[in-house]
Each structure stands twice: as C-alpha cells, then as structure tokens.
Amino acid sequence: MITPDGCSVELYALLPSMGEPEIVHDAIPAGASILELGAGAGRMTRPLLALGHPVVAVDESGEMLARIGGAGGDLDADGSVGVETVQARIEELDLGRRFDAVVLASFLVNEPDGDLRGRFLRACRDHVGDDGCVLVQRHPPAWFDEAAEGERTSGGITFRLRDLRRPGPGLLAATVEYQVQDRVWRQWFTARRLDDGELAAGLAGAGLAVDAYLTADGSWIRAVPSRRGDALGGSPR
C-alpha cells in the first residue's frame, strides 16, 4: 500500500524511532499531552506513549494509522492511556482543542511549497495551548551543502541516498532507497533549506517564536506562541 505522498505503509511500519521520542520527551513537561502531525505508522507514537504522554496521532493515510491502533483514545487493557488517531491532512486540521505540545517531525517543515509550509505551521499554532510549545524537526542547514550519495545501515535497515541533485537555490532533491533483507523500497523527495532566519520568519508568520534549539546541529527546535517568545527576551541559543 502506497500513500498519496508516495510512502510505503509496509516500510514505515518497519522503521524504528531513532532518538526522536526522547528529544521530545526531554523538551516538555512530564505527562504533557501531544498532538503528533504526520504520525505515519507510529514510529514515534508508541515510544511517546510509553514515556507517559497521551498522544493524538494525525495522518492523511488511514492505512498508516491502522498500524498504530488504539483509535478513539480508549484506555488500553492495562488501564494506561491509549492513542487517538485522526485521519486528516495537516493543513486542513481543525480539532477545536489544544495540546500541551504539538510535534511536526519528519522534516515536514522543509516542504518546498512555502504556502503549504505556512499552513503546516499555522495548524501547529492553532492546536497548541498558549502555555504550550511546538517541536519542529528540520534538515540542518549544513546538510544541504554536505549531503552526498551513499548508504548506511541501522536497525537492520539499509538506507541509500541516490540521484542527488540541487534543482534550484536552497533546494535538494534525491531518491531514498530502503532495503530490508531482499526487499527494496524507493521514495523521492525535494526539500527546501531553512536557515535560522528563514525558520524564525516562517514561525513568526504563524504566530510562533523560537524558544530553543534542542540539538547541536539545530535539527530540533522548540517554538512557543509569539507573545511568550517576546517575553523570553529573543535569544534562543
């Protein structure tokens, strides 16, 4: 099964988390409620639940969400909080409620269409509480200069970057090839470089402000509603 944006449901069900849930957990209060945008097959969702966070997982693919399970937010058999799943496009989401934290991971903020990227960020702002935060994962700006074709293996999955090209200023396009034993999947993408200033401007346009860079390479950013960002003094590093 291939989703509208070209992702293999079977592949995404195999992909492990790679430290992202722990970054999110360390950046928010214990037990904080999370809205996870673009949750896929639950690579981050279940670890976040295990860390004690109630999660609402959003994805446009019902097939992806079916791999997460727990639809409806019911309690699991052991009485712990289950996951609620919502099938929707991020840019069209309107849940009418707010969360302690909103997560926009998987480099979705590097969407090359600026209008769509802005709508992603506005969906984040619309669903985060005034005292909450938005956690954004981007490709580090340096990656756009340093990226090269090659391969690496992690958790039994071989990742290959192929057909790399730079079709325009600030753009990088490539094919990612995933191999698990004798099975191979391919996915094409184009990403837009977002320097710190460009990211800050995009967040500001959605009513958000950078609060902190959570990783040394600047790939994870915590943002807060703008009024709070102004009050914090404006120096995120």
Protein backbone atom coordinates (compact mmCIF):
# COMPACT_ATOMS: atom_id res chain seq x y z
CA MET A 1 0.00 0.00 0.00
CA ILE A 2 1.40 3.39 -1.09
CA THR A 3 0.07 6.60 0.48
CA PRO A 4 -0.82 9.72 -1.56
CA ASP A 5 2.60 11.25 -0.83
CA GLY A 6 4.43 8.15 -2.07
CA CYS A 7 5.22 6.39 1.22
CA SER A 8 5.04 2.62 1.64
CA VAL A 9 2.88 1.68 4.62
CA GLU A 10 4.69 -1.64 4.99
CA LEU A 11 8.08 0.08 5.06
CA TYR A 12 7.04 2.75 7.55
CA ALA A 13 5.70 0.05 9.87
CA LEU A 14 9.24 -1.36 9.96
CA LEU A 15 11.11 1.89 10.60
CA PRO A 16 12.32 2.28 14.20
CA SER A 17 12.49 5.53 16.13
CA MET A 18 15.99 6.99 16.22
CA GLY A 19 16.05 9.04 19.38
CA GLU A 20 13.31 11.48 18.39
CA PRO A 21 10.79 10.50 21.11
CA GLU A 22 13.41 11.08 23.78
CA ILE A 23 14.21 14.56 22.38
CA VAL A 24 10.51 15.43 22.51
CA HIS A 25 10.07 13.96 25.99
CA ASP A 26 13.02 15.90 27.40
CA ALA A 27 11.71 19.19 25.95
CA ILE A 28 8.23 19.11 27.51
CA PRO A 29 6.72 18.53 30.97
CA ALA A 30 6.13 15.02 32.21
CA GLY A 31 2.75 13.70 31.08
CA ALA A 32 2.20 16.59 28.64
CA SER A 33 -0.45 15.92 26.00
CA ILE A 34 0.92 15.69 22.45
CA LEU A 35 -0.58 16.27 19.02
CA GLU A 36 1.66 14.42 16.57
CA LEU A 37 1.29 15.68 13.00
CA GLY A 38 2.24 13.30 10.19
CA ALA A 39 2.44 10.35 12.57
CA GLY A 40 2.72 7.71 9.85
CA ALA A 41 2.65 4.15 11.19
CA GLY A 42 3.54 5.19 14.74
CA ARG A 43 7.32 5.16 14.70
CA MET A 44 7.32 7.92 17.35
CA THR A 45 3.80 7.50 18.70
CA ARG A 46 4.20 4.33 20.74
CA PRO A 47 7.50 5.38 22.35
CA LEU A 48 5.90 8.69 23.37
CA LEU A 49 3.01 6.80 24.92
CA ALA A 50 5.47 4.57 26.76
CA LEU A 51 7.13 7.73 28.11
CA GLY A 52 3.80 8.73 29.67
CA HIS A 53 2.31 11.15 27.15
CA PRO A 54 -1.27 10.91 25.85
CA VAL A 55 -0.96 11.28 22.08
CA VAL A 56 -3.34 12.22 19.30
CA ALA A 57 -1.78 10.95 16.07
CA VAL A 58 -2.73 12.66 12.80
CA ASP A 59 -2.02 11.37 9.29
CA GLU A 60 -3.78 11.61 5.94
CA SER A 61 -3.41 7.84 5.43
CA GLY A 62 -5.90 5.60 7.17
CA GLU A 63 -3.69 2.63 6.33
CA MET A 64 -0.79 4.21 8.21
CA LEU A 65 -2.96 4.99 11.23
CA ALA A 66 -4.31 1.43 11.28
CA ARG A 67 -0.75 0.27 12.07
CA ILE A 68 -0.79 2.41 15.21
CA GLY A 69 -4.05 1.06 16.60
CA GLY A 70 -5.90 2.38 19.62
CA ALA A 71 -8.26 4.55 17.57
CA GLY A 72 -10.67 6.59 19.64
CA GLY A 73 -8.36 7.28 22.58
CA ASP A 74 -9.74 4.42 24.69
CA LEU A 75 -7.82 3.04 27.65
CA ASP A 76 -5.60 0.08 26.92
CA ALA A 77 -6.26 -3.23 28.66
CA ASP A 78 -3.82 -2.35 31.44
CA GLY A 79 -5.62 0.93 32.12
CA SER A 80 -2.98 3.17 30.54
CA VAL A 81 -3.93 5.94 28.17
CA GLY A 82 -4.30 4.79 24.57
CA VAL A 83 -3.60 6.67 21.39
CA GLU A 84 -6.29 8.56 19.49
CA THR A 85 -5.90 8.60 15.72
CA VAL A 86 -7.27 11.23 13.33
CA GLN A 87 -7.22 10.84 9.56
CA ALA A 88 -6.73 14.31 8.09
CA ARG A 89 -4.34 16.46 6.11
CA ILE A 90 -2.26 18.64 8.42
CA GLU A 91 -3.10 21.84 6.53
CA GLU A 92 -6.83 21.14 6.88
CA LEU A 93 -6.83 20.05 10.52
CA ASP A 94 -9.33 21.68 12.87
CA LEU A 95 -9.82 19.65 16.02
CA GLY A 96 -11.25 22.51 18.07
CA ARG A 97 -8.95 21.78 21.00
CA ARG A 98 -5.40 22.50 22.09
CA PHE A 99 -2.50 20.47 23.42
CA ASP A 100 0.49 20.96 25.69
CA ALA A 101 2.79 20.15 22.78
CA VAL A 102 2.48 19.84 19.01
CA VAL A 103 5.09 17.83 17.11
CA LEU A 104 5.91 18.49 13.45
CA ALA A 105 8.66 15.96 12.74
CA SER A 106 9.94 14.02 9.71
CA PHE A 107 11.32 17.22 8.14
CA LEU A 108 7.83 18.30 7.09
CA VAL A 109 8.84 21.91 7.72
CA ASN A 110 11.28 21.58 4.79
CA GLU A 111 8.32 21.41 2.42
CA PRO A 112 9.42 23.32 -0.72
CA ASP A 113 6.00 24.93 -1.22
CA GLY A 114 6.15 27.98 1.04
CA ASP A 115 2.38 28.38 1.20
CA LEU A 116 1.88 24.77 2.28
CA ARG A 117 4.71 25.05 4.80
CA GLY A 118 3.00 28.10 6.29
CA ARG A 119 -0.26 26.19 6.59
CA PHE A 120 1.55 23.37 8.43
CA LEU A 121 2.90 25.88 10.94
CA ARG A 122 -0.45 27.61 11.35
CA ALA A 123 -2.03 24.23 12.13
CA CYS A 124 0.60 23.85 14.85
CA ARG A 125 -0.26 27.24 16.33
CA ASP A 126 -4.00 26.63 16.13
CA HIS A 127 -3.66 23.47 18.20
CA VAL A 128 -1.08 24.41 20.85
CA GLY A 129 -2.09 25.91 24.17
CA ASP A 130 -0.90 29.41 24.97
CA ASP A 131 1.42 27.92 27.60
CA GLY A 132 2.47 25.03 25.37
CA CYS A 133 5.15 24.54 22.74
CA VAL A 134 5.66 23.33 19.19
CA LEU A 135 8.55 20.95 18.44
CA VAL A 136 9.82 21.10 14.87
CA GLN A 137 12.32 18.81 13.15
CA ARG A 138 14.15 20.23 10.14
CA HIS A 139 17.07 19.19 7.98
CA PRO A 140 20.12 21.01 9.41
CA PRO A 141 21.03 23.87 7.05
CA ALA A 142 24.57 22.48 6.65
CA TRP A 143 23.13 19.20 5.32
CA PHE A 144 22.10 20.90 2.09
CA ASP A 145 25.77 21.62 1.37
CA GLU A 146 27.22 18.41 2.74
CA ALA A 147 24.72 15.78 1.56
CA ALA A 148 26.23 13.18 -0.75
CA GLU A 149 25.13 9.91 -2.27
CA GLY A 150 25.93 6.90 -0.12
CA GLU A 151 24.50 4.32 2.26
CA ARG A 152 24.31 3.41 5.93
CA THR A 153 22.73 0.58 7.90
CA SER A 154 20.82 0.93 11.17
CA GLY A 155 18.49 -1.47 12.93
CA GLY A 156 18.66 -3.99 10.09
CA ILE A 157 17.61 -1.41 7.50
CA THR A 158 19.99 -0.12 4.82
CA PHE A 159 19.39 3.48 3.75
CA ARG A 160 20.79 4.74 0.45
CA LEU A 161 20.73 8.27 -0.91
CA ARG A 162 20.71 8.26 -4.71
CA ASP A 163 20.11 10.58 -7.68
CA LEU A 164 21.02 13.61 -5.60
CA ARG A 165 20.65 16.98 -7.30
CA ARG A 166 20.17 20.61 -6.42
CA PRO A 167 17.48 21.87 -8.81
CA GLY A 168 17.44 25.46 -7.56
CA PRO A 169 18.69 27.81 -4.84
CA GLY A 170 18.10 26.25 -1.44
CA LEU A 171 16.61 23.05 -2.88
CA LEU A 172 17.84 19.47 -2.66
CA ALA A 173 16.16 16.56 -4.44
CA ALA A 174 17.06 12.89 -4.16
CA THR A 175 15.84 9.31 -4.03
CA VAL A 176 15.96 7.43 -0.74
CA GLU A 177 16.26 3.68 -1.09
CA TYR A 178 15.44 1.42 1.86
CA GLN A 179 16.43 -2.25 1.94
CA VAL A 180 15.34 -4.88 4.47
CA GLN A 181 16.86 -8.26 3.59
CA ASP A 182 15.89 -8.75 -0.06
CA ARG A 183 13.08 -6.17 -0.13
CA VAL A 184 13.70 -2.67 -1.50
CA TRP A 185 11.52 0.45 -1.40
CA ARG A 186 12.23 3.81 -3.05
CA GLN A 187 10.91 7.26 -2.23
CA TRP A 188 11.56 10.59 -3.95
CA PHE A 189 11.69 13.93 -2.18
CA THR A 190 12.54 17.59 -2.62
CA ALA A 191 13.45 19.67 0.44
CA ARG A 192 13.86 23.41 0.99
CA ARG A 193 16.75 24.69 3.08
CA LEU A 194 15.63 26.76 6.06
CA ASP A 195 18.35 28.80 7.73
CA ASP A 196 17.73 30.06 11.25
CA GLY A 197 16.43 33.40 10.00
CA GLU A 198 14.10 31.81 7.45
CA LEU A 199 12.78 29.40 10.03
CA ALA A 200 12.20 32.20 12.53
CA ALA A 201 10.34 34.22 9.88
CA GLY A 202 8.15 31.25 8.96
CA LEU A 203 7.33 30.62 12.60
CA ALA A 204 6.56 34.31 13.15
CA GLY A 205 4.13 34.23 10.24
CA ALA A 206 2.22 31.52 12.07
CA GLY A 207 2.26 33.31 15.44
CA LEU A 208 5.20 31.36 16.88
CA ALA A 209 8.70 32.26 18.07
CA VAL A 210 11.86 30.21 18.54
CA ASP A 211 12.41 29.34 22.20
CA ALA A 212 15.38 26.94 21.99
CA TYR A 213 17.45 24.78 19.68
CA LEU A 214 17.32 21.31 21.22
CA THR A 215 20.15 19.62 19.33
CA ALA A 216 23.68 20.75 18.50
CA ASP A 217 23.05 20.59 14.76
CA GLY A 218 19.89 22.70 15.03
CA SER A 219 17.68 19.93 13.66
CA TRP A 220 15.16 20.14 16.52
CA ILE A 221 13.62 23.45 17.56
CA ARG A 222 11.20 24.32 20.32
CA ALA A 223 8.86 27.22 19.49
CA VAL A 224 6.27 28.94 21.64
CA PRO A 225 3.35 31.30 20.93
CA SER A 226 4.80 34.67 19.89
CA ARG A 227 3.73 36.68 22.94
CA ARG A 228 5.65 34.28 25.15
CA GLY A 229 8.60 34.32 22.76
CA ASP A 230 8.76 38.13 23.03
CA ALA A 231 8.68 37.90 26.81
CA LEU A 232 11.55 35.42 26.86
CA GLY A 233 13.96 38.00 25.50
CA GLY A 234 14.55 36.68 21.99
CA SER A 235 17.83 34.73 22.36
CA PRO A 236 17.08 31.05 21.63
CA ARG A 237 20.65 29.75 21.93
